[in-house]
C-alpha cells in the first residue's frame, strides 16, 4: 500500500514554493487513505472474521489451526526502514526542489515586473516581458510535474521493497511459531496471537531484508 497525493499548484508570483514539498510530507512513505473504501473494508473484515470462525470450527473436528495476527498500521508507524527511506528520498530530491524553488522565485519576480509596467509602455517591451514570463511559467509547471512524478515513482519503489521485507519477516516469525495462518485484519485479536512486536523487531534489526 502506497500513500500519495499530488502537489498543490501555485499561483504565479506568490513567492515561496507553496505546495507540500518532497522534503516534507511528500516523502513520507505512507499508504493513501480513501474514506470511500470504509464500507468495503468492513465487509472484508467481516468476511475474514467469518473465515477465521470457520477455521476454528473445522479445527474442533480435525487438528487445531495456529493463527497469528499483524497490525499493519503499527508496523508502518514503527518501522525504522520507512523512516530511513523517507529521509533518503528527502536527500535525493532536495537539489531538484531547490531548483524549482529558484524558478518559482524568478516567475514571481517577472510577474511583479509585469504588474509594475506603467500605461504607455512600448508594445515591444511589454510583449518581451510577457513572453519571458510565460516561458518561465511553463518551465516551472513542467519542473513541478516532473518532480511530482519522480517522487511518486521512487516512493512506490521504496514501499514495494519495504512490503517485501515485511512479508519475509512475517513468514519467518510464522515459521518459528509454527503458525498455519497470519491475518492482518480482525475484529478482535488476543495478545497471544499478535505477532506484530516480533515482526517489528525483526524488521528494525534488518532481518526482514535477508
Protein backbone atom coordinates (compact mmCIF):
# COMPACT_ATOMS: atom_id res chain seq x y z
CA UNK A 1 0.00 0.00 0.00
CA UNK A 2 1.45 3.19 -1.01
CA UNK A 3 0.43 6.84 0.10
CA UNK A 4 0.35 9.63 -2.27
CA UNK A 5 -1.47 12.75 -3.34
CA UNK A 6 -0.45 15.38 -5.85
CA UNK A 7 1.46 18.56 -5.24
CA UNK A 8 -0.75 21.60 -4.96
CA UNK A 9 -0.33 24.01 -7.84
CA UNK A 10 0.80 27.53 -7.06
CA UNK A 11 -0.36 30.86 -8.35
CA UNK A 12 2.47 32.56 -10.24
CA UNK A 13 4.29 35.20 -8.39
CA UNK A 14 3.30 34.07 -4.93
CA UNK A 15 6.88 33.66 -3.82
CA UNK A 16 7.92 30.60 -1.83
CA UNK A 17 7.18 27.14 -3.17
CA UNK A 18 3.57 26.80 -1.91
CA UNK A 19 2.90 23.10 -2.31
CA UNK A 20 3.76 20.25 0.05
CA UNK A 21 7.37 19.69 -0.85
CA UNK A 22 9.25 16.38 -1.20
CA UNK A 23 11.42 17.46 1.70
CA UNK A 24 8.35 17.24 3.97
CA UNK A 25 5.15 15.25 3.67
CA UNK A 26 5.63 14.20 0.07
CA UNK A 27 8.49 11.87 1.00
CA UNK A 28 6.66 10.27 3.92
CA UNK A 29 6.29 6.65 2.97
CA UNK A 30 2.70 6.12 3.99
CA UNK A 31 -0.13 4.44 2.08
CA UNK A 32 -3.08 6.60 0.97
CA UNK A 33 -6.30 6.58 2.94
CA UNK A 34 -9.56 6.54 0.99
CA UNK A 35 -12.62 7.18 3.22
CA UNK A 36 -14.91 5.86 0.47
CA UNK A 37 -13.45 2.39 0.98
CA UNK A 38 -14.58 2.12 4.61
CA UNK A 39 -17.71 0.09 3.82
CA UNK A 40 -15.76 -2.29 1.63
CA UNK A 41 -13.13 -2.61 4.36
CA UNK A 42 -15.76 -3.52 6.95
CA UNK A 43 -17.12 -6.17 4.61
CA UNK A 44 -13.63 -7.57 4.18
CA UNK A 45 -13.10 -7.62 7.93
CA UNK A 46 -16.41 -9.39 8.44
CA UNK A 47 -15.52 -11.93 5.75
CA UNK A 48 -12.12 -12.58 7.30
CA UNK A 49 -13.71 -12.94 10.72
CA UNK A 50 -16.18 -15.49 9.39
CA UNK A 51 -13.36 -17.36 7.69
CA UNK A 52 -11.44 -17.44 10.95
CA UNK A 53 -14.51 -18.76 12.75
CA UNK A 54 -14.90 -21.43 10.10
CA UNK A 55 -11.28 -22.44 10.55
CA UNK A 56 -11.72 -22.71 14.29
CA UNK A 57 -14.87 -24.78 13.81
CA UNK A 58 -13.10 -27.14 11.46
CA UNK A 59 -10.18 -27.37 13.86
CA UNK A 60 -12.50 -28.76 16.50
CA UNK A 61 -13.24 -31.67 14.20
CA UNK A 62 -9.67 -32.07 12.98
CA UNK A 63 -6.37 -30.64 14.18
CA UNK A 64 -6.05 -27.20 15.75
CA UNK A 65 -5.18 -24.36 13.36
CA UNK A 66 -2.48 -21.99 14.66
CA UNK A 67 -3.37 -18.41 13.75
CA UNK A 68 -1.32 -15.24 14.08
CA UNK A 69 -2.16 -11.58 13.56
CA UNK A 70 -0.20 -8.48 12.49
CA UNK A 71 -1.13 -4.83 12.91
CA UNK A 72 -0.11 -3.37 9.55
CA UNK A 73 -0.60 0.25 10.61
CA UNK A 74 1.65 -0.22 13.63
CA UNK A 75 4.34 -1.89 11.53
CA UNK A 76 4.31 1.07 9.13
CA UNK A 77 4.34 3.54 12.02
CA UNK A 78 7.19 1.96 13.98
CA UNK A 79 9.37 0.75 11.14
CA UNK A 80 12.82 2.31 11.05
CA UNK A 81 13.14 1.21 7.44
CA UNK A 82 10.29 3.53 6.41
CA UNK A 83 11.89 6.39 8.32
CA UNK A 84 15.23 5.78 6.64
CA UNK A 85 13.53 5.55 3.26
CA UNK A 86 11.75 8.87 3.76
CA UNK A 87 15.00 10.60 4.74
CA UNK A 88 16.75 9.05 1.73
CA UNK A 89 14.09 10.47 -0.59
CA UNK A 90 14.38 13.91 1.00
CA UNK A 91 18.10 13.94 0.30
CA UNK A 92 17.66 12.51 -3.18
CA UNK A 93 15.25 15.24 -4.29
CA UNK A 94 16.48 18.18 -2.22
CA UNK A 95 18.63 19.64 -5.02
CA UNK A 96 15.83 19.46 -7.55
CA UNK A 97 13.44 21.09 -5.12
CA UNK A 98 15.87 23.96 -4.64
CA UNK A 99 15.99 24.40 -8.42
CA UNK A 100 12.20 24.53 -8.60
CA UNK A 101 12.11 26.99 -5.70
CA UNK A 102 14.55 29.25 -7.52
CA UNK A 103 12.48 29.09 -10.69
CA UNK A 104 9.34 29.86 -8.69
CA UNK A 105 11.01 32.96 -7.25
CA UNK A 106 12.06 34.04 -10.75
CA UNK A 107 8.49 33.69 -12.03
CA UNK A 108 7.28 35.75 -9.08
CA UNK A 109 9.78 38.48 -9.87
CA UNK A 110 8.77 38.53 -13.54
CA UNK A 111 5.12 38.76 -12.53
CA UNK A 112 5.95 41.73 -10.31
CA UNK A 113 7.79 43.42 -13.19
CA UNK A 114 4.77 42.99 -15.46
CA UNK A 115 2.44 44.40 -12.82
CA UNK A 116 4.75 47.38 -12.35
CA UNK A 117 4.70 48.39 -16.02
CA UNK A 118 3.03 51.76 -16.45
CA UNK A 119 0.39 52.59 -19.02
CA UNK A 120 2.01 53.66 -22.26
CA UNK A 121 4.84 51.12 -22.03
CA UNK A 122 6.07 50.40 -25.57
CA UNK A 123 4.35 47.36 -27.05
CA UNK A 124 7.67 45.71 -27.90
CA UNK A 125 8.85 45.90 -24.28
CA UNK A 126 5.50 44.67 -22.96
CA UNK A 127 5.49 41.74 -25.36
CA UNK A 128 9.06 40.84 -24.39
CA UNK A 129 8.20 40.83 -20.68
CA UNK A 130 5.06 38.78 -21.24
CA UNK A 131 6.93 36.26 -23.39
CA UNK A 132 9.68 35.87 -20.79
CA UNK A 133 7.11 35.43 -18.03
CA UNK A 134 5.10 32.84 -19.98
CA UNK A 135 8.21 30.86 -20.92
CA UNK A 136 9.45 30.67 -17.33
CA UNK A 137 5.97 29.85 -16.01
CA UNK A 138 5.78 26.90 -18.42
CA UNK A 139 9.21 25.75 -17.30
CA UNK A 140 8.13 25.99 -13.66
CA UNK A 141 4.96 23.96 -14.23
CA UNK A 142 6.87 21.29 -16.17
CA UNK A 143 9.54 21.09 -13.49
CA UNK A 144 6.88 20.64 -10.81
CA UNK A 145 5.15 17.88 -12.77
CA UNK A 146 8.42 16.07 -13.36
CA UNK A 147 9.38 16.33 -9.71
CA UNK A 148 6.00 15.06 -8.58
CA UNK A 149 6.11 12.08 -10.93
CA UNK A 150 9.66 11.15 -9.98
CA UNK A 151 8.97 11.40 -6.24
CA UNK A 152 5.89 9.18 -6.58
CA UNK A 153 7.80 6.64 -8.66
CA UNK A 154 10.61 6.42 -6.12
CA UNK A 155 8.15 6.20 -3.22
CA UNK A 156 6.44 3.30 -4.95
CA UNK A 157 9.78 1.54 -5.40
CA UNK A 158 10.75 2.05 -1.76
CA UNK A 159 7.37 0.88 -0.46
CA UNK A 160 7.41 -2.19 -2.70
CA UNK A 161 10.79 -3.12 -1.25
CA UNK A 162 9.58 -2.44 2.29
CA UNK A 163 6.49 -4.62 1.98
CA UNK A 164 8.59 -7.44 0.55
CA UNK A 165 10.71 -7.22 3.72
CA UNK A 166 7.56 -7.19 5.87
CA UNK A 167 6.30 -10.33 4.16
CA UNK A 168 9.64 -12.05 4.67
CA UNK A 169 9.69 -11.09 8.35
CA UNK A 170 6.12 -12.32 8.86
CA UNK A 171 6.95 -15.63 7.23
CA UNK A 172 10.00 -16.09 9.45
CA UNK A 173 8.04 -15.36 12.62
CA UNK A 174 5.18 -17.59 11.49
CA UNK A 175 7.55 -20.47 10.79
CA UNK A 176 9.29 -20.02 14.13
CA UNK A 177 5.94 -20.18 15.93
CA UNK A 178 4.52 -22.95 13.73
CA UNK A 179 1.61 -20.80 12.58
CA UNK A 180 -0.72 -22.02 9.83
CA UNK A 181 -2.29 -18.65 9.05
CA UNK A 182 -1.48 -14.96 9.63
CA UNK A 183 -4.25 -12.36 9.40
CA UNK A 184 -3.86 -8.60 9.05
CA UNK A 185 -7.48 -7.60 9.72
CA UNK A 186 -9.71 -8.82 12.52
CA UNK A 187 -12.44 -7.52 14.80
CA UNK A 188 -10.80 -8.92 17.93
CA UNK A 189 -7.38 -10.45 18.50
CA UNK A 190 -5.95 -11.97 21.65
CA UNK A 191 -2.45 -10.80 22.51
CA UNK A 192 -1.41 -14.44 22.39
CA UNK A 193 -1.95 -14.42 18.63
CA UNK A 194 -0.46 -10.97 17.93
CA UNK A 195 2.99 -11.27 16.35
CA UNK A 196 3.31 -7.58 15.43
CA UNK A 197 6.00 -6.87 18.01
CA UNK A 198 8.21 -9.72 16.79
CA UNK A 199 7.82 -8.63 13.18
CA UNK A 200 8.76 -5.02 14.00
CA UNK A 201 11.84 -6.14 15.95
CA UNK A 202 12.93 -8.35 13.08
CA UNK A 203 12.44 -5.54 10.55
CA UNK A 204 14.30 -2.97 12.64
CA UNK A 205 17.13 -5.44 13.10
CA UNK A 206 17.34 -5.74 9.32
CA UNK A 207 16.47 -9.41 9.31
CA UNK A 208 13.46 -8.97 7.05
CA UNK A 209 15.75 -7.97 4.19
CA UNK A 210 17.89 -11.11 4.48
